Amino acid sequence: MAAFLFGLLLFAMQSPPVPSSPARSSSAASSLLPPPPPPSADDGGAAGRPRAPPPRRPRPSHHHPPNGTAQRLPDIVIIGVRKGGTRALIEMLSLHGGVAAAESEVHFFDWESHFQRGLPWYLSQMPYALPGQLTVEKTPAYFTSSKVPPRLRRVNPGAKLLLILRDPTERVLSDYTQVYHNRLLKHKRHRPIEEVLVLKDGGVNLGYKALNRSLYYVHMQNWLRHFPRDSIHVVDGDALIRDPFPEVQRVERFLRLEPQIDAGNFYFNRTKGFYCLRDRGRERCLHDSKGRAHPRVAPDILHKLYRFFHEPNRRFFELVGRTFDWN
C-alpha cells in the first residue's frame, strides 16, 4: 500500500519542466538572468507565498572592499533540506579559516522577486572573501524547488553542493514543530499533528507539504538531471547531531580543504541537549529555536509514516549509492 501511495504522489507531483534558455555564446553569467522588473508593490511570487523581505544591503560598500577582499559567486551552496541541519552545517563550516559564509539565507534561485533582480544583487549578498577562501551560501528551500537546479547550473555550474538530510519521519516532525511554534507566536490557530499527517479514512495525507519535502528520491532525481553526482555531497544530519566531528571531516575532504577543524571545536551542552561550538576560546550554541522537542505522536501513526517512507528511502539509497540508518 505504501508503494502504491508513493506512486500516486509521484504522479501528482509531475509538472511541466522549467524551460531553459538556449545556449549562449557570451560567457557573462549575468546575460543568463532576466532583467530587473520595474518597481512594484507585489513580490511577483506564486499565490499564497509569503512576501519576500526587501534585499539586504551589502555590508561594506563594494567600492571599498576590506583588505583586498571581493564578493564572488559561491564556491559552495548548501541546498537543503529544510529542518535537516543546514544552520548547524554552515556554522560548523565557518570554523574553517578557508571558508567565508553568507550571513542569511539568500533565496535567489527560488524566489522570483530575488531572481528578477539579477546577478549583481546575488553577488551583493555574498560575504567579502580573501583570495583563496571558499564562499558558501545556504538556502534550504533550494532542494525541493524544481526550478532551482537548471537556474543554478546556468549561473554557477562549477559549484560544490552540500545536501544535509535527516530521517524523513524525524524531518517531518521537525517541520511541523517549527510551523506550530511560529503560529503560536502569532496567536494563530494550529492543527494537531494527527490531523495534518493522516486523513479521515486513515491514509497518509499526500497533500501535506512537509511530507513532500521528505521524499528525497523525487527531488534528488531533479538535481541529478543538471549536476553530476560527484558534485553533490550528502551529509548525514542525524550523525551530525550525535557526533559532528566525523561528518565535518568528510565535508572538508569533499571540498578539498586543508584539515583545520578538530574535535576540540565541539562540546556537548547538557542543558541544551546537543553539541555547541568552541572557536578560538569563544563558545556559542545555535539559537533556542533549534533542537525543539517534537510533539508526541501515537505509535501507530509513526509506524504508518515509517511504512510510507520505506520505498522512497530505498530508491534514494540506490540513487546516491549509500544507505542511512533511517526507520
C-alpha atoms as a PDB file:
ATOM      1  CA  MET A   1       0.000   0.000   0.000  1.00  0.00           C
ATOM      2  CA  ALA A   2       2.840   2.404   0.862  1.00  0.00           C
ATOM      3  CA  ALA A   3       4.407   1.827  -2.564  1.00  0.00           C
ATOM      4  CA  PHE A   4       1.011   2.460  -4.200  1.00  0.00           C
ATOM      5  CA  LEU A   5       0.562   5.736  -2.272  1.00  0.00           C
ATOM      6  CA  PHE A   6       4.090   6.777  -3.180  1.00  0.00           C
ATOM      7  CA  GLY A   7       3.355   6.104  -6.853  1.00  0.00           C
ATOM      8  CA  LEU A   8       0.207   8.240  -6.650  1.00  0.00           C
ATOM      9  CA  LEU A   9       2.178  11.067  -5.083  1.00  0.00           C
ATOM     10  CA  LEU A  10       4.861  10.863  -7.767  1.00  0.00           C
ATOM     11  CA  PHE A  11       2.182  11.126 -10.443  1.00  0.00           C
ATOM     12  CA  ALA A  12       0.542  14.101  -8.742  1.00  0.00           C
ATOM     13  CA  MET A  13       3.842  15.906  -8.362  1.00  0.00           C
ATOM     14  CA  GLN A  14       4.780  15.764 -12.020  1.00  0.00           C
ATOM     15  CA  SER A  15       4.828  19.246 -13.521  1.00  0.00           C
ATOM     16  CA  PRO A  16       5.990  20.595 -16.851  1.00  0.00           C
ATOM     17  CA  PRO A  17       9.785  21.039 -16.906  1.00  0.00           C
ATOM     18  CA  VAL A  18      11.142  24.533 -16.439  1.00  0.00           C
ATOM     19  CA  PRO A  19      12.116  25.773 -19.890  1.00  0.00           C
ATOM     20  CA  SER A  20      15.791  26.596 -20.129  1.00  0.00           C
ATOM     21  CA  SER A  21      17.121  29.317 -22.337  1.00  0.00           C
ATOM     22  CA  PRO A  22      19.076  28.334 -25.474  1.00  0.00           C
ATOM     23  CA  ALA A  23      22.850  28.054 -25.194  1.00  0.00           C
ATOM     24  CA  ARG A  24      24.513  31.430 -25.419  1.00  0.00           C
ATOM     25  CA  SER A  25      27.916  32.299 -26.698  1.00  0.00           C
ATOM     26  CA  SER A  26      28.518  35.004 -24.102  1.00  0.00           C
ATOM     27  CA  SER A  27      30.406  33.883 -21.032  1.00  0.00           C
ATOM     28  CA  ALA A  28      28.903  36.553 -18.847  1.00  0.00           C
ATOM     29  CA  ALA A  29      26.696  34.871 -16.254  1.00  0.00           C
ATOM     30  CA  SER A  30      24.578  37.996 -15.967  1.00  0.00           C
ATOM     31  CA  SER A  31      23.321  37.512 -19.510  1.00  0.00           C
ATOM     32  CA  LEU A  32      21.650  34.307 -18.375  1.00  0.00           C
ATOM     33  CA  LEU A  33      19.412  36.153 -15.951  1.00  0.00           C
ATOM     34  CA  PRO A  34      16.277  38.177 -16.660  1.00  0.00           C
ATOM     35  CA  PRO A  35      16.448  41.990 -16.478  1.00  0.00           C
ATOM     36  CA  PRO A  36      15.192  43.509 -13.237  1.00  0.00           C
ATOM     37  CA  PRO A  37      11.475  44.332 -13.362  1.00  0.00           C
ATOM     38  CA  PRO A  38      10.093  47.817 -12.702  1.00  0.00           C
ATOM     39  CA  PRO A  39       9.430  48.587  -9.027  1.00  0.00           C
ATOM     40  CA  SER A  40       6.213  47.024  -7.802  1.00  0.00           C
ATOM     41  CA  ALA A  41       4.418  46.594  -4.531  1.00  0.00           C
ATOM     42  CA  ASP A  42       3.785  42.973  -5.399  1.00  0.00           C
ATOM     43  CA  ASP A  43       6.592  40.467  -4.942  1.00  0.00           C
ATOM     44  CA  GLY A  44       5.631  38.579  -8.124  1.00  0.00           C
ATOM     45  CA  GLY A  45       5.634  35.204  -6.370  1.00  0.00           C
ATOM     46  CA  ALA A  46       3.083  32.453  -6.523  1.00  0.00           C
ATOM     47  CA  ALA A  47      -0.282  32.995  -4.933  1.00  0.00           C
ATOM     48  CA  GLY A  48      -0.198  32.288  -1.208  1.00  0.00           C
ATOM     49  CA  ARG A  49       3.596  32.584  -0.940  1.00  0.00           C
ATOM     50  CA  PRO A  50       4.820  34.844   1.907  1.00  0.00           C
ATOM     51  CA  ARG A  51       6.049  38.194   0.694  1.00  0.00           C
ATOM     52  CA  ALA A  52       9.818  38.210   0.278  1.00  0.00           C
ATOM     53  CA  PRO A  53      11.663  40.634   2.581  1.00  0.00           C
ATOM     54  CA  PRO A  54      13.433  43.605   0.989  1.00  0.00           C
ATOM     55  CA  PRO A  55      17.007  42.882  -0.103  1.00  0.00           C
ATOM     56  CA  ARG A  56      19.748  43.425   2.438  1.00  0.00           C
ATOM     57  CA  ARG A  57      22.411  45.974   1.761  1.00  0.00           C
ATOM     58  CA  PRO A  58      25.943  44.743   1.230  1.00  0.00           C
ATOM     59  CA  ARG A  59      27.789  45.171   4.494  1.00  0.00           C
ATOM     60  CA  PRO A  60      30.729  47.366   3.362  1.00  0.00           C
ATOM     61  CA  SER A  61      30.468  49.429   0.185  1.00  0.00           C
ATOM     62  CA  HIS A  62      31.563  47.435  -2.857  1.00  0.00           C
ATOM     63  CA  HIS A  63      33.655  50.440  -3.839  1.00  0.00           C
ATOM     64  CA  HIS A  64      35.906  49.870  -0.820  1.00  0.00           C
ATOM     65  CA  PRO A  65      36.144  46.151  -0.107  1.00  0.00           C
ATOM     66  CA  PRO A  66      38.098  45.488   3.104  1.00  0.00           C
ATOM     67  CA  ASN A  67      41.683  44.247   2.894  1.00  0.00           C
ATOM     68  CA  GLY A  68      41.656  43.267  -0.754  1.00  0.00           C
ATOM     69  CA  THR A  69      38.622  41.020  -0.407  1.00  0.00           C
ATOM     70  CA  ALA A  70      35.898  40.593  -3.002  1.00  0.00           C
ATOM     71  CA  GLN A  71      32.343  39.311  -3.356  1.00  0.00           C
ATOM     72  CA  ARG A  72      32.196  36.288  -5.652  1.00  0.00           C
ATOM     73  CA  LEU A  73      29.768  33.648  -6.781  1.00  0.00           C
ATOM     74  CA  PRO A  74      29.672  30.955  -4.085  1.00  0.00           C
ATOM     75  CA  ASP A  75      32.028  28.023  -4.438  1.00  0.00           C
ATOM     76  CA  ILE A  76      29.702  26.029  -2.147  1.00  0.00           C
ATOM     77  CA  VAL A  77      25.915  26.026  -1.974  1.00  0.00           C
ATOM     78  CA  ILE A  78      24.081  24.268   0.851  1.00  0.00           C
ATOM     79  CA  ILE A  79      20.895  23.342  -0.996  1.00  0.00           C
ATOM     80  CA  GLY A  80      18.888  21.811   1.850  1.00  0.00           C
ATOM     81  CA  VAL A  81      16.951  20.269   3.197  1.00  0.00           C
ATOM     82  CA  ARG A  82      14.643  22.343   5.399  1.00  0.00           C
ATOM     83  CA  LYS A  83      14.920  21.142   9.023  1.00  0.00           C
ATOM     84  CA  GLY A  84      17.814  18.933   8.034  1.00  0.00           C
ATOM     85  CA  GLY A  85      20.538  20.815   9.918  1.00  0.00           C
ATOM     86  CA  THR A  86      21.616  23.451   7.391  1.00  0.00           C
ATOM     87  CA  ARG A  87      22.223  26.151  10.027  1.00  0.00           C
ATOM     88  CA  ALA A  88      24.379  23.823  12.108  1.00  0.00           C
ATOM     89  CA  LEU A  89      26.343  22.811   8.995  1.00  0.00           C
ATOM     90  CA  ILE A  90      27.154  26.344   7.855  1.00  0.00           C
ATOM     91  CA  GLU A  91      28.098  27.380  11.404  1.00  0.00           C
ATOM     92  CA  MET A  92      30.473  24.421  11.625  1.00  0.00           C
ATOM     93  CA  LEU A  93      31.979  25.199   8.215  1.00  0.00           C
ATOM     94  CA  SER A  94      32.539  28.774   9.384  1.00  0.00           C
ATOM     95  CA  LEU A  95      35.039  27.429  11.929  1.00  0.00           C
ATOM     96  CA  HIS A  96      37.407  26.863   8.998  1.00  0.00           C
ATOM     97  CA  GLY A  97      39.638  29.798   8.112  1.00  0.00           C
ATOM     98  CA  GLY A  98      39.347  28.954   4.420  1.00  0.00           C
ATOM     99  CA  VAL A  99      35.583  29.494   4.346  1.00  0.00           C
ATOM    100  CA  ALA A 100      33.593  32.746   4.180  1.00  0.00           C
ATOM    101  CA  ALA A 101      29.852  32.297   4.762  1.00  0.00           C
ATOM    102  CA  ALA A 102      26.883  34.448   3.780  1.00  0.00           C
ATOM    103  CA  GLU A 103      25.069  35.713   6.853  1.00  0.00           C
ATOM    104  CA  SER A 104      21.498  34.797   5.918  1.00  0.00           C
ATOM    105  CA  GLU A 105      19.517  32.614   3.562  1.00  0.00           C
ATOM    106  CA  VAL A 106      19.655  34.254   0.132  1.00  0.00           C
ATOM    107  CA  HIS A 107      16.689  32.651  -1.700  1.00  0.00           C
ATOM    108  CA  PHE A 108      17.988  33.858  -5.056  1.00  0.00           C
ATOM    109  CA  PHE A 109      17.096  30.906  -7.258  1.00  0.00           C
ATOM    110  CA  ASP A 110      13.715  30.034  -5.689  1.00  0.00           C
ATOM    111  CA  TRP A 111      12.126  33.456  -5.027  1.00  0.00           C
ATOM    112  CA  GLU A 112      11.109  35.220  -8.223  1.00  0.00           C
ATOM    113  CA  SER A 113      11.366  38.652  -6.584  1.00  0.00           C
ATOM    114  CA  HIS A 114      15.058  37.977  -5.855  1.00  0.00           C
ATOM    115  CA  PHE A 115      15.903  36.176  -9.089  1.00  0.00           C
ATOM    116  CA  GLN A 116      14.498  39.036 -11.149  1.00  0.00           C
ATOM    117  CA  ARG A 117      16.995  41.408  -9.507  1.00  0.00           C
ATOM    118  CA  GLY A 118      19.760  39.692 -11.412  1.00  0.00           C
ATOM    119  CA  LEU A 119      23.314  38.617 -10.757  1.00  0.00           C
ATOM    120  CA  PRO A 120      24.580  41.929  -9.291  1.00  0.00           C
ATOM    121  CA  TRP A 121      22.045  41.621  -6.474  1.00  0.00           C
ATOM    122  CA  TYR A 122      23.035  37.983  -5.848  1.00  0.00           C
ATOM    123  CA  LEU A 123      26.699  38.945  -5.625  1.00  0.00           C
ATOM    124  CA  SER A 124      25.832  41.737  -3.201  1.00  0.00           C
ATOM    125  CA  GLN A 125      24.526  39.133  -0.754  1.00  0.00           C
ATOM    126  CA  MET A 126      27.819  37.243  -0.677  1.00  0.00           C
ATOM    127  CA  PRO A 127      30.449  37.743   2.022  1.00  0.00           C
ATOM    128  CA  TYR A 128      33.686  39.556   1.305  1.00  0.00           C
ATOM    129  CA  ALA A 129      36.250  36.780   0.903  1.00  0.00           C
ATOM    130  CA  LEU A 130      40.028  36.797   0.784  1.00  0.00           C
ATOM    131  CA  PRO A 131      41.834  35.260  -2.193  1.00  0.00           C
ATOM    132  CA  GLY A 132      41.855  31.510  -1.685  1.00  0.00           C
ATOM    133  CA  GLN A 133      38.845  31.455   0.597  1.00  0.00           C
ATOM    134  CA  LEU A 134      35.766  29.484  -0.422  1.00  0.00           C
ATOM    135  CA  THR A 135      32.451  31.336  -0.318  1.00  0.00           C
ATOM    136  CA  VAL A 136      29.329  29.492   0.864  1.00  0.00           C
ATOM    137  CA  GLU A 137      25.633  30.322   0.912  1.00  0.00           C
ATOM    138  CA  LYS A 138      22.755  28.225   2.188  1.00  0.00           C
ATOM    139  CA  THR A 139      19.083  28.205   1.266  1.00  0.00           C
ATOM    140  CA  PRO A 140      17.305  25.039   2.451  1.00  0.00           C
ATOM    141  CA  ALA A 141      14.352  25.515   0.086  1.00  0.00           C
ATOM    142  CA  TYR A 142      16.580  25.046  -2.978  1.00  0.00           C
ATOM    143  CA  PHE A 143      16.495  21.247  -2.739  1.00  0.00           C
ATOM    144  CA  THR A 144      12.721  20.911  -3.092  1.00  0.00           C
ATOM    145  CA  SER A 145      12.202  23.609  -5.751  1.00  0.00           C
ATOM    146  CA  SER A 146      12.068  22.173  -9.284  1.00  0.00           C
ATOM    147  CA  LYS A 147      13.211  25.442 -10.886  1.00  0.00           C
ATOM    148  CA  VAL A 148      16.407  25.846  -8.858  1.00  0.00           C
ATOM    149  CA  PRO A 149      18.706  23.160 -10.401  1.00  0.00           C
ATOM    150  CA  PRO A 150      18.558  24.479 -14.006  1.00  0.00           C
ATOM    151  CA  ARG A 151      18.927  28.081 -12.836  1.00  0.00           C
ATOM    152  CA  LEU A 152      21.879  27.305 -10.588  1.00  0.00           C
ATOM    153  CA  ARG A 153      23.501  25.209 -13.305  1.00  0.00           C
ATOM    154  CA  ARG A 154      23.311  28.056 -15.833  1.00  0.00           C
ATOM    155  CA  VAL A 155      24.689  30.663 -13.423  1.00  0.00           C
ATOM    156  CA  ASN A 156      27.205  28.635 -11.393  1.00  0.00           C
ATOM    157  CA  PRO A 157      27.898  25.229 -12.984  1.00  0.00           C
ATOM    158  CA  GLY A 158      31.088  24.615 -11.021  1.00  0.00           C
ATOM    159  CA  ALA A 159      29.537  24.990  -7.568  1.00  0.00           C
ATOM    160  CA  LYS A 160      30.012  22.227  -4.999  1.00  0.00           C
ATOM    161  CA  LEU A 161      26.665  21.287  -3.477  1.00  0.00           C
ATOM    162  CA  LEU A 162      26.085  20.167   0.094  1.00  0.00           C
ATOM    163  CA  LEU A 163      22.841  18.392   0.959  1.00  0.00           C
ATOM    164  CA  ILE A 164      22.177  17.567   4.598  1.00  0.00           C
ATOM    165  CA  LEU A 165      19.380  15.083   5.295  1.00  0.00           C
ATOM    166  CA  ARG A 166      17.755  13.527   8.346  1.00  0.00           C
ATOM    167  CA  ASP A 167      15.465  10.556   8.812  1.00  0.00           C
ATOM    168  CA  PRO A 168      12.428  11.570   6.720  1.00  0.00           C
ATOM    169  CA  THR A 169       9.951  10.949   9.536  1.00  0.00           C
ATOM    170  CA  GLU A 170      12.014  12.955  12.022  1.00  0.00           C
ATOM    171  CA  ARG A 171      12.314  15.749   9.461  1.00  0.00           C
ATOM    172  CA  VAL A 172       8.524  15.865   9.022  1.00  0.00           C
ATOM    173  CA  LEU A 173       8.083  16.158  12.798  1.00  0.00           C
ATOM    174  CA  SER A 174      10.681  18.953  12.974  1.00  0.00           C
ATOM    175  CA  ASP A 175       8.937  20.735  10.116  1.00  0.00           C
ATOM    176  CA  TYR A 176       5.587  20.550  11.895  1.00  0.00           C
ATOM    177  CA  THR A 177       7.176  21.708  15.178  1.00  0.00           C
ATOM    178  CA  GLN A 178       8.622  24.827  13.556  1.00  0.00           C
ATOM    179  CA  VAL A 179       5.298  25.789  11.962  1.00  0.00           C
ATOM    180  CA  TYR A 180       3.478  25.025  15.228  1.00  0.00           C
ATOM    181  CA  HIS A 181       5.702  27.385  17.262  1.00  0.00           C
ATOM    182  CA  ASN A 182       5.556  30.106  14.598  1.00  0.00           C
ATOM    183  CA  ARG A 183       1.757  30.012  14.691  1.00  0.00           C
ATOM    184  CA  LEU A 184       1.763  30.113  18.494  1.00  0.00           C
ATOM    185  CA  LEU A 185       3.901  33.268  18.433  1.00  0.00           C
ATOM    186  CA  LYS A 186       1.450  34.888  16.016  1.00  0.00           C
ATOM    187  CA  HIS A 187      -1.560  33.735  18.086  1.00  0.00           C
ATOM    188  CA  LYS A 188      -2.863  31.750  15.136  1.00  0.00           C
ATOM    189  CA  ARG A 189      -4.810  28.521  15.264  1.00  0.00           C
ATOM    190  CA  HIS A 190      -2.797  25.340  14.762  1.00  0.00           C
ATOM    191  CA  ARG A 191      -3.984  21.889  13.788  1.00  0.00           C
ATOM    192  CA  PRO A 192      -2.966  18.845  15.846  1.00  0.00           C
ATOM    193  CA  ILE A 193      -0.263  16.838  14.162  1.00  0.00           C
ATOM    194  CA  GLU A 194      -2.547  13.818  13.751  1.00  0.00           C
ATOM    195  CA  GLU A 195      -4.905  15.923  11.601  1.00  0.00           C
ATOM    196  CA  VAL A 196      -2.193  17.076   9.199  1.00  0.00           C
ATOM    197  CA  LEU A 197      -0.483  13.690   8.876  1.00  0.00           C
ATOM    198  CA  VAL A 198      -3.440  11.358   8.461  1.00  0.00           C
ATOM    199  CA  LEU A 199      -6.695  11.670   6.517  1.00  0.00           C
ATOM    200  CA  LYS A 200     -10.095  10.735   7.970  1.00  0.00           C
ATOM    201  CA  ASP A 201     -10.009   7.454   6.075  1.00  0.00           C
ATOM    202  CA  GLY A 202      -6.737   6.538   7.791  1.00  0.00           C
ATOM    203  CA  GLY A 203      -4.455   7.144   4.797  1.00  0.00           C
ATOM    204  CA  VAL A 204      -1.339   9.307   4.790  1.00  0.00           C
ATOM    205  CA  ASN A 205      -2.096  12.908   3.820  1.00  0.00           C
ATOM    206  CA  LEU A 206      -0.287  13.167   0.480  1.00  0.00           C
ATOM    207  CA  GLY A 207      -1.156  16.854   0.250  1.00  0.00           C
ATOM    208  CA  TYR A 208       0.871  17.809   3.331  1.00  0.00           C
ATOM    209  CA  LYS A 209       3.859  19.858   2.140  1.00  0.00           C
ATOM    210  CA  ALA A 210       6.160  18.670   4.904  1.00  0.00           C
ATOM    211  CA  LEU A 211       5.616  15.103   3.729  1.00  0.00           C
ATOM    212  CA  ASN A 212       6.617  16.038   0.187  1.00  0.00           C
ATOM    213  CA  ARG A 213       9.826  17.654   1.409  1.00  0.00           C
ATOM    214  CA  SER A 214      10.880  14.305   2.896  1.00  0.00           C
ATOM    215  CA  LEU A 215      10.538  12.450  -0.415  1.00  0.00           C
ATOM    216  CA  TYR A 216      14.250  12.848  -1.086  1.00  0.00           C
ATOM    217  CA  TYR A 217      14.265  10.482  -4.045  1.00  0.00           C
ATOM    218  CA  VAL A 218      11.891  12.683  -6.055  1.00  0.00           C
ATOM    219  CA  HIS A 219      13.898  15.869  -5.540  1.00  0.00           C
ATOM    220  CA  MET A 220      17.311  14.226  -5.948  1.00  0.00           C
ATOM    221  CA  GLN A 221      16.290  12.932  -9.360  1.00  0.00           C
ATOM    222  CA  ASN A 222      15.708  16.500 -10.486  1.00  0.00           C
ATOM    223  CA  TRP A 223      19.112  17.664  -9.244  1.00  0.00           C
ATOM    224  CA  LEU A 224      20.911  14.806 -10.979  1.00  0.00           C
ATOM    225  CA  ARG A 225      19.417  15.897 -14.306  1.00  0.00           C
ATOM    226  CA  HIS A 226      21.502  19.073 -14.032  1.00  0.00           C
ATOM    227  CA  PHE A 227      24.517  18.277 -11.828  1.00  0.00           C
ATOM    228  CA  PRO A 228      26.841  15.256 -11.796  1.00  0.00           C
ATOM    229  CA  ARG A 229      26.630  13.020  -8.757  1.00  0.00           C
ATOM    230  CA  ASP A 230      30.216  13.781  -7.737  1.00  0.00           C
ATOM    231  CA  SER A 231      29.392  17.483  -7.313  1.00  0.00           C
ATOM    232  CA  ILE A 232      26.830  16.730  -4.570  1.00  0.00           C
ATOM    233  CA  HIS A 233      27.905  15.597  -1.109  1.00  0.00           C
ATOM    234  CA  VAL A 234      25.179  14.187   1.138  1.00  0.00           C
ATOM    235  CA  VAL A 235      25.718  14.946   4.826  1.00  0.00           C
ATOM    236  CA  ASP A 236      24.130  12.642   7.392  1.00  0.00           C
ATOM    237  CA  GLY A 237      22.207  15.135   9.533  1.00  0.00           C
ATOM    238  CA  ASP A 238      21.390  12.580  12.232  1.00  0.00           C
ATOM    239  CA  ALA A 239      25.082  11.684  12.576  1.00  0.00           C
ATOM    240  CA  LEU A 240      25.942  15.403  12.685  1.00  0.00           C
ATOM    241  CA  ILE A 241      23.700  15.723  15.743  1.00  0.00           C
ATOM    242  CA  ARG A 242      25.127  12.651  17.504  1.00  0.00           C
ATOM    243  CA  ASP A 243      28.811  13.207  16.728  1.00  0.00           C
ATOM    244  CA  PRO A 244      29.551  16.214  14.483  1.00  0.00           C
ATOM    245  CA  PHE A 245      33.315  15.949  14.052  1.00  0.00           C
ATOM    246  CA  PRO A 246      33.481  12.887  11.708  1.00  0.00           C
ATOM    247  CA  GLU A 247      30.778  14.363   9.439  1.00  0.00           C
ATOM    248  CA  VAL A 248      32.598  17.707   9.260  1.00  0.00           C
ATOM    249  CA  GLN A 249      35.817  15.879   8.364  1.00  0.00           C
ATOM    250  CA  ARG A 250      34.023  14.269   5.417  1.00  0.00           C
ATOM    251  CA  VAL A 251      32.839  17.690   4.266  1.00  0.00           C
ATOM    252  CA  GLU A 252      36.393  19.065   4.480  1.00  0.00           C
ATOM    253  CA  ARG A 253      37.638  16.223   2.296  1.00  0.00           C
ATOM    254  CA  PHE A 254      34.852  16.711  -0.248  1.00  0.00           C
ATOM    255  CA  LEU A 255      35.659  20.431  -0.508  1.00  0.00           C
ATOM    256  CA  ARG A 256      39.410  19.682  -0.618  1.00  0.00           C
ATOM    257  CA  LEU A 257      40.001  21.951   2.348  1.00  0.00           C
ATOM    258  CA  GLU A 258      43.120  21.648   4.456  1.00  0.00           C
ATOM    259  CA  PRO A 259      42.025  19.943   7.708  1.00  0.00           C
ATOM    260  CA  GLN A 260      41.622  22.661  10.335  1.00  0.00           C
ATOM    261  CA  ILE A 261      38.506  21.794  12.325  1.00  0.00           C
ATOM    262  CA  ASP A 262      39.169  19.300  15.131  1.00  0.00           C
ATOM    263  CA  ALA A 263      37.288  17.564  17.913  1.00  0.00           C
ATOM    264  CA  GLY A 264      38.136  20.411  20.305  1.00  0.00           C
ATOM    265  CA  ASN A 265      35.830  22.702  18.323  1.00  0.00           C
ATOM    266  CA  PHE A 266      32.803  20.793  19.631  1.00  0.00           C
ATOM    267  CA  TYR A 267      31.467  20.264  23.140  1.00  0.00           C
ATOM    268  CA  PHE A 268      28.222  18.734  24.363  1.00  0.00           C
ATOM    269  CA  ASN A 269      25.948  21.191  26.153  1.00  0.00           C
ATOM    270  CA  ARG A 270      23.962  19.142  28.658  1.00  0.00           C
ATOM    271  CA  THR A 271      21.466  21.937  29.242  1.00  0.00           C
ATOM    272  CA  LYS A 272      20.537  22.252  25.578  1.00  0.00           C
ATOM    273  CA  GLY A 273      20.990  18.563  24.829  1.00  0.00           C
ATOM    274  CA  PHE A 274      23.149  18.978  21.710  1.00  0.00           C
ATOM    275  CA  TYR A 275      26.660  19.918  20.604  1.00  0.00           C
ATOM    276  CA  CYS A 276      27.813  23.534  20.602  1.00  0.00           C
ATOM    277  CA  LEU A 277      30.885  25.166  19.062  1.00  0.00           C
ATOM    278  CA  ARG A 278      34.153  26.388  20.502  1.00  0.00           C
ATOM    279  CA  ASP A 279      36.142  28.794  18.319  1.00  0.00           C
ATOM    280  CA  ARG A 280      39.371  30.454  19.480  1.00  0.00           C
ATOM    281  CA  GLY A 281      38.277  30.294  23.116  1.00  0.00           C
ATOM    282  CA  ARG A 282      34.729  31.505  22.468  1.00  0.00           C
ATOM    283  CA  GLU A 283      31.764  29.175  22.935  1.00  0.00           C
ATOM    284  CA  ARG A 284      28.481  29.514  21.057  1.00  0.00           C
ATOM    285  CA  CYS A 285      25.367  27.449  20.510  1.00  0.00           C
ATOM    286  CA  LEU A 286      22.635  27.515  17.907  1.00  0.00           C
ATOM    287  CA  HIS A 287      19.532  29.603  18.540  1.00  0.00           C
ATOM    288  CA  ASP A 288      16.975  28.308  21.042  1.00  0.00           C
ATOM    289  CA  SER A 289      14.611  27.634  18.129  1.00  0.00           C
ATOM    290  CA  LYS A 290      16.931  24.767  17.139  1.00  0.00           C
ATOM    291  CA  GLY A 291      16.524  21.382  18.758  1.00  0.00           C
ATOM    292  CA  ARG A 292      12.955  21.895  19.999  1.00  0.00           C
ATOM    293  CA  ALA A 293      11.215  18.826  21.388  1.00  0.00           C
ATOM    294  CA  HIS A 294       8.826  17.201  18.923  1.00  0.00           C
ATOM    295  CA  PRO A 295       5.157  16.689  19.760  1.00  0.00           C
ATOM    296  CA  ARG A 296       4.162  13.271  21.000  1.00  0.00           C
ATOM    297  CA  VAL A 297       2.868  11.137  18.132  1.00  0.00           C
ATOM    298  CA  ALA A 298       0.881   7.946  18.577  1.00  0.00           C
ATOM    299  CA  PRO A 299       2.958   4.838  17.766  1.00  0.00           C
ATOM    300  CA  ASP A 300       0.509   3.647  15.103  1.00  0.00           C
ATOM    301  CA  ILE A 301       0.881   6.944  13.204  1.00  0.00           C
ATOM    302  CA  LEU A 302       4.675   6.767  13.446  1.00  0.00           C
ATOM    303  CA  HIS A 303       4.628   3.233  12.024  1.00  0.00           C
ATOM    304  CA  LYS A 304       2.343   4.405   9.251  1.00  0.00           C
ATOM    305  CA  LEU A 305       4.941   7.059   8.312  1.00  0.00           C
ATOM    306  CA  TYR A 306       7.802   4.544   8.536  1.00  0.00           C
ATOM    307  CA  ARG A 307       5.975   2.237   6.151  1.00  0.00           C
ATOM    308  CA  PHE A 308       5.149   5.075   3.786  1.00  0.00           C
ATOM    309  CA  PHE A 309       8.774   6.241   3.530  1.00  0.00           C
ATOM    310  CA  HIS A 310      10.277   2.751   3.228  1.00  0.00           C
ATOM    311  CA  GLU A 311      10.046   2.517  -0.571  1.00  0.00           C
ATOM    312  CA  PRO A 312      11.113   6.104  -1.434  1.00  0.00           C
ATOM    313  CA  ASN A 313      14.020   5.739   1.014  1.00  0.00           C
ATOM    314  CA  ARG A 314      15.147   2.545  -0.716  1.00  0.00           C
ATOM    315  CA  ARG A 315      15.042   4.264  -4.092  1.00  0.00           C
ATOM    316  CA  PHE A 316      17.002   7.213  -2.706  1.00  0.00           C
ATOM    317  CA  PHE A 317      19.703   4.885  -1.367  1.00  0.00           C
ATOM    318  CA  GLU A 318      20.058   3.342  -4.814  1.00  0.00           C
ATOM    319  CA  LEU A 319      20.247   6.777  -6.400  1.00  0.00           C
ATOM    320  CA  VAL A 320      23.098   8.044  -4.216  1.00  0.00           C
ATOM    321  CA  GLY A 321      24.896   4.739  -3.747  1.00  0.00           C
ATOM    322  CA  ARG A 322      24.808   4.641   0.054  1.00  0.00           C
ATOM    323  CA  THR A 323      22.425   3.833   2.889  1.00  0.00           C
ATOM    324  CA  PHE A 324      21.378   5.707   6.007  1.00  0.00           C
ATOM    325  CA  ASP A 325      20.110   4.495   9.366  1.00  0.00           C
ATOM    326  CA  TRP A 326      16.514   5.604   8.814  1.00  0.00           C
ATOM    327  CA  ASN A 327      13.416   3.798  10.068  1.00  0.00           C
END
